[in-house]
């Protein structure tokens, strides 16, 4: 299926690894040129060369941390007018008892999982409206549909972002600018593997036990290939996706049991 975005330019955060990298590859396969963002210069360079070599598209990159304002300024200076924006702070969730969290803790999580994406959207979307084309996809987590104990700091910030986006999409869609979020579950990324090993260590159990437990929770019975998320993101960036906006699309193999 031709998504009709060949020659467009995408800014992809967290583009060197994991789901951000999968999104970058899926967009490159459609002929989209890229600016990748991540913290590691070496990982970015490796990813950029690999994507450019495989798909024959131009790939630039910016080593920056979008979870702080300085990093966001660097990204916007390097790529101020993309047609497509994929936000993805790429910070792993860690459990914390809400009773132990300080004001600074809450502020840091809000900066990471709300402001990191919201400021990029705020600066980039006006240009999209002027050009009458814009696609924004936020990579979040499926758990915001059913918040888990000890993850209030993460879920609260991500839900704040979802609420802010929900208030702006109806104003933008008339300009052919849409914003959606994908809510992935268990995808087989480096981040997931690190998380699984961390859970095993904290629970004084084995990695194999934790994996079996997670697979038991997943009706699909497997961890997903990151490409399954990347392809969904690319579809939401397509020319014919201009009527889909303000949606939080769960992609978790059936874990979430709600209808809406």
Protein backbone atom coordinates (compact mmCIF):
# COMPACT_ATOMS: atom_id res chain seq x y z
CA UNK A 1 0.00 0.00 0.00
CA UNK A 2 1.42 3.37 -1.06
CA UNK A 3 0.90 5.75 1.86
CA UNK A 4 1.41 8.80 -0.37
CA UNK A 5 4.18 10.39 1.70
CA UNK A 6 7.22 9.86 -0.51
CA UNK A 7 9.45 12.94 -0.33
CA UNK A 8 8.02 14.12 3.00
CA UNK A 9 10.38 14.74 5.91
CA UNK A 10 9.99 13.14 9.33
CA UNK A 11 11.51 14.01 12.68
CA UNK A 12 11.69 10.80 14.68
CA UNK A 13 12.59 10.93 18.37
CA UNK A 14 14.24 7.90 19.91
CA UNK A 15 15.08 6.89 16.36
CA UNK A 16 18.26 4.93 17.00
CA UNK A 17 16.68 1.89 18.72
CA UNK A 18 13.45 0.18 19.63
CA UNK A 19 10.05 1.42 18.51
CA UNK A 20 11.38 4.79 17.34
CA UNK A 21 13.85 3.01 15.08
CA UNK A 22 11.08 0.74 13.79
CA UNK A 23 9.00 3.82 12.94
CA UNK A 24 11.96 5.39 11.15
CA UNK A 25 12.48 2.26 9.05
CA UNK A 26 8.79 2.03 8.13
CA UNK A 27 8.74 5.68 7.07
CA UNK A 28 11.98 5.30 5.10
CA UNK A 29 10.42 2.36 3.24
CA UNK A 30 7.76 4.84 2.07
CA UNK A 31 10.42 7.20 0.69
CA UNK A 32 10.34 9.64 3.61
CA UNK A 33 13.57 11.47 4.44
CA UNK A 34 14.49 11.49 8.10
CA UNK A 35 16.00 13.38 10.98
CA UNK A 36 16.66 10.98 13.83
CA UNK A 37 17.02 12.07 17.44
CA UNK A 38 18.52 10.13 20.34
CA UNK A 39 21.01 10.63 23.15
CA UNK A 40 23.85 8.50 21.76
CA UNK A 41 25.85 9.89 18.83
CA UNK A 42 27.31 6.48 18.00
CA UNK A 43 23.95 4.69 17.98
CA UNK A 44 22.46 7.45 15.84
CA UNK A 45 25.25 7.30 13.31
CA UNK A 46 24.93 3.53 13.01
CA UNK A 47 21.14 3.72 12.61
CA UNK A 48 21.30 6.57 10.07
CA UNK A 49 23.81 4.82 7.84
CA UNK A 50 21.90 1.53 7.98
CA UNK A 51 18.55 3.09 7.07
CA UNK A 52 20.02 5.25 4.32
CA UNK A 53 21.87 2.30 2.83
CA UNK A 54 18.83 0.00 2.90
CA UNK A 55 16.14 2.40 1.71
CA UNK A 56 18.09 4.99 -0.29
CA UNK A 57 16.73 8.03 1.55
CA UNK A 58 18.54 10.94 3.17
CA UNK A 59 18.93 10.50 6.92
CA UNK A 60 20.21 13.25 9.21
CA UNK A 61 20.56 12.96 12.96
CA UNK A 62 20.81 15.07 16.10
CA UNK A 63 22.31 13.79 19.34
CA UNK A 64 20.13 15.44 21.98
CA UNK A 65 18.03 14.66 25.03
CA UNK A 66 14.48 15.88 24.32
CA UNK A 67 13.54 15.45 27.97
CA UNK A 68 15.19 18.79 28.74
CA UNK A 69 14.57 22.19 27.18
CA UNK A 70 18.13 22.54 25.85
CA UNK A 71 17.85 19.30 23.96
CA UNK A 72 14.51 20.33 22.47
CA UNK A 73 15.99 23.63 21.30
CA UNK A 74 18.82 21.77 19.57
CA UNK A 75 16.36 19.48 17.80
CA UNK A 76 14.15 22.33 16.65
CA UNK A 77 17.15 24.27 15.36
CA UNK A 78 18.24 21.27 13.31
CA UNK A 79 14.77 20.36 12.01
CA UNK A 80 12.24 23.19 12.48
CA UNK A 81 9.72 22.27 9.76
CA UNK A 82 9.11 18.52 9.43
CA UNK A 83 5.96 17.19 7.77
CA UNK A 84 5.86 14.30 10.23
CA UNK A 85 6.76 14.21 13.92
CA UNK A 86 7.12 11.02 15.96
CA UNK A 87 7.57 11.79 19.66
CA UNK A 88 9.12 9.18 21.89
CA UNK A 89 10.99 10.14 25.08
CA UNK A 90 12.29 6.58 25.27
CA UNK A 91 12.71 6.50 29.05
CA UNK A 92 11.94 3.17 30.70
CA UNK A 93 9.25 3.04 33.36
CA UNK A 94 10.42 2.27 36.88
CA UNK A 95 8.04 1.45 39.74
CA UNK A 96 7.89 3.89 42.65
CA UNK A 97 5.67 4.08 45.70
CA UNK A 98 3.80 7.38 45.36
CA UNK A 99 4.34 8.03 49.08
CA UNK A 100 8.08 8.34 48.52
CA UNK A 101 7.96 10.71 45.53
CA UNK A 102 9.07 14.31 45.98
CA UNK A 103 7.82 17.34 44.12
CA UNK A 104 11.02 17.25 42.08
CA UNK A 105 10.33 13.61 41.15
CA UNK A 106 6.86 14.48 39.86
CA UNK A 107 8.24 17.47 37.98
CA UNK A 108 10.91 15.33 36.28
CA UNK A 109 8.41 12.73 35.14
CA UNK A 110 6.12 15.49 33.83
CA UNK A 111 9.04 17.06 31.95
CA UNK A 112 9.96 13.69 30.47
CA UNK A 113 6.60 12.27 29.49
CA UNK A 114 4.53 15.39 28.82
CA UNK A 115 6.61 18.49 28.10
CA UNK A 116 9.21 16.65 25.99
CA UNK A 117 6.51 15.91 23.42
CA UNK A 118 4.22 18.86 24.01
CA UNK A 119 6.85 21.54 23.36
CA UNK A 120 7.92 19.90 20.09
CA UNK A 121 4.28 19.72 19.00
CA UNK A 122 3.68 23.35 20.01
CA UNK A 123 6.61 24.60 17.93
CA UNK A 124 6.18 22.38 14.88
CA UNK A 125 2.41 22.21 14.33
CA UNK A 126 1.91 25.88 13.23
CA UNK A 127 4.16 25.30 10.21
CA UNK A 128 2.28 22.12 9.38
CA UNK A 129 -0.97 24.09 9.39
CA UNK A 130 0.47 26.67 7.00
CA UNK A 131 1.60 23.93 4.61
CA UNK A 132 -1.73 22.08 4.97
CA UNK A 133 -0.13 18.77 5.87
CA UNK A 134 1.03 17.40 9.19
CA UNK A 135 1.13 14.08 10.98
CA UNK A 136 2.11 13.68 14.62
CA UNK A 137 2.30 10.30 16.34
CA UNK A 138 3.21 9.93 20.01
CA UNK A 139 4.61 6.64 21.26
CA UNK A 140 3.14 6.10 24.72
CA UNK A 141 2.30 2.89 26.64
CA UNK A 142 -0.83 0.75 26.75
CA UNK A 143 -0.95 0.97 30.56
CA UNK A 144 -2.38 4.49 30.47
CA UNK A 145 -5.66 2.78 29.58
CA UNK A 146 -5.46 0.75 32.82
CA UNK A 147 -2.93 2.40 35.19
CA UNK A 148 -0.82 0.05 37.25
CA UNK A 149 0.09 0.29 40.93
CA UNK A 150 3.37 2.14 41.57
CA UNK A 151 3.49 3.77 38.14
CA UNK A 152 1.45 6.89 38.92
CA UNK A 153 4.38 9.19 38.11
CA UNK A 154 4.64 7.79 34.59
CA UNK A 155 0.94 7.30 33.85
CA UNK A 156 0.01 10.71 35.28
CA UNK A 157 2.42 12.55 33.00
CA UNK A 158 1.45 10.55 29.91
CA UNK A 159 -2.24 11.11 30.61
CA UNK A 160 -1.57 14.84 30.94
CA UNK A 161 -0.10 14.76 27.43
CA UNK A 162 -3.12 12.83 26.13
CA UNK A 163 -5.46 15.42 27.66
CA UNK A 164 -3.54 18.35 26.19
CA UNK A 165 -3.57 16.74 22.74
CA UNK A 166 -7.28 15.99 23.01
CA UNK A 167 -7.96 19.68 23.51
CA UNK A 168 -6.11 20.78 20.37
CA UNK A 169 -6.84 18.22 17.66
CA UNK A 170 -10.23 19.57 16.61
CA UNK A 171 -8.69 22.94 15.84
CA UNK A 172 -5.95 21.39 13.70
CA UNK A 173 -7.73 18.76 11.64
CA UNK A 174 -9.29 21.33 9.31
CA UNK A 175 -5.72 22.16 8.22
CA UNK A 176 -4.97 18.49 7.42
CA UNK A 177 -2.90 18.21 10.60
CA UNK A 178 -3.69 15.25 12.84
CA UNK A 179 -2.23 13.97 16.10
CA UNK A 180 -2.61 10.42 17.37
CA UNK A 181 -0.90 8.19 19.91
CA UNK A 182 0.02 4.53 19.75
CA UNK A 183 -0.09 2.61 23.02
CA UNK A 184 2.19 -0.42 22.66
CA UNK A 185 2.31 -3.38 24.97
CA UNK A 186 5.12 -5.96 25.04
CA UNK A 187 7.39 -5.38 22.04
CA UNK A 188 10.69 -7.22 21.84
CA UNK A 189 13.06 -4.29 22.21
CA UNK A 190 16.23 -3.71 24.21
CA UNK A 191 14.13 -1.66 26.63
CA UNK A 192 11.77 -4.57 27.24
CA UNK A 193 14.63 -6.98 27.82
CA UNK A 194 16.23 -4.58 30.31
CA UNK A 195 12.88 -4.22 32.05
CA UNK A 196 12.38 -7.99 32.28
CA UNK A 197 15.84 -8.57 33.71
CA UNK A 198 15.26 -5.72 36.20
CA UNK A 199 11.97 -7.24 37.36
CA UNK A 200 13.65 -10.59 37.82
CA UNK A 201 16.42 -9.06 39.92
CA UNK A 202 14.02 -7.04 42.10
CA UNK A 203 11.71 -10.01 42.60
CA UNK A 204 14.53 -12.43 43.38
CA UNK A 205 13.36 -14.75 40.62
CA UNK A 206 14.56 -15.84 37.18
CA UNK A 207 14.33 -14.05 33.86
CA UNK A 208 12.54 -17.09 32.41
CA UNK A 209 9.87 -16.90 35.11
CA UNK A 210 9.23 -13.23 34.41
CA UNK A 211 9.00 -13.86 30.65
CA UNK A 212 6.52 -16.70 31.20
CA UNK A 213 4.45 -14.45 33.46
CA UNK A 214 4.32 -11.67 30.85
CA UNK A 215 3.40 -14.06 28.06
CA UNK A 216 0.62 -15.48 30.23
CA UNK A 217 -0.80 -11.95 30.47
CA UNK A 218 -0.78 -11.55 26.67
CA UNK A 219 -3.57 -13.29 24.71
CA UNK A 220 -1.38 -13.20 21.58
CA UNK A 221 1.06 -15.43 23.47
CA UNK A 222 4.19 -13.65 22.22
CA UNK A 223 6.18 -10.47 22.35
CA UNK A 224 5.62 -8.39 19.21
CA UNK A 225 8.16 -7.52 16.54
CA UNK A 226 8.92 -3.76 16.71
CA UNK A 227 8.09 -3.56 13.00
CA UNK A 228 4.45 -4.24 13.92
CA UNK A 229 4.42 -0.92 15.76
CA UNK A 230 6.54 0.88 13.15
CA UNK A 231 4.13 -0.04 10.38
CA UNK A 232 1.15 1.22 12.39
CA UNK A 233 2.92 4.53 12.97
CA UNK A 234 3.74 4.87 9.27
CA UNK A 235 0.08 4.24 8.38
CA UNK A 236 -1.03 6.99 10.76
CA UNK A 237 1.42 9.32 8.98
CA UNK A 238 -0.02 8.51 5.56
CA UNK A 239 -1.84 10.79 3.19
CA UNK A 240 -5.12 8.93 3.70
CA UNK A 241 -4.99 9.07 7.50
CA UNK A 242 -6.14 12.70 7.66
CA UNK A 243 -9.54 11.77 9.09
CA UNK A 244 -8.08 9.96 12.12
CA UNK A 245 -7.18 12.31 14.95
CA UNK A 246 -7.07 12.47 18.73
CA UNK A 247 -7.00 8.70 19.03
CA UNK A 248 -5.08 6.55 21.51
CA UNK A 249 -4.61 3.29 19.63
CA UNK A 250 -3.78 0.24 21.74
CA UNK A 251 -1.34 -2.20 20.15
CA UNK A 252 -0.80 -4.84 22.83
CA UNK A 253 -1.84 -8.27 21.60
CA UNK A 254 -5.16 -8.22 23.45
CA UNK A 255 -3.99 -7.36 26.97
CA UNK A 256 -6.37 -4.40 27.30
CA UNK A 257 -9.87 -5.80 27.75
CA UNK A 258 -11.90 -2.63 27.33
CA UNK A 259 -14.09 -1.98 24.30
CA UNK A 260 -13.33 1.74 24.16
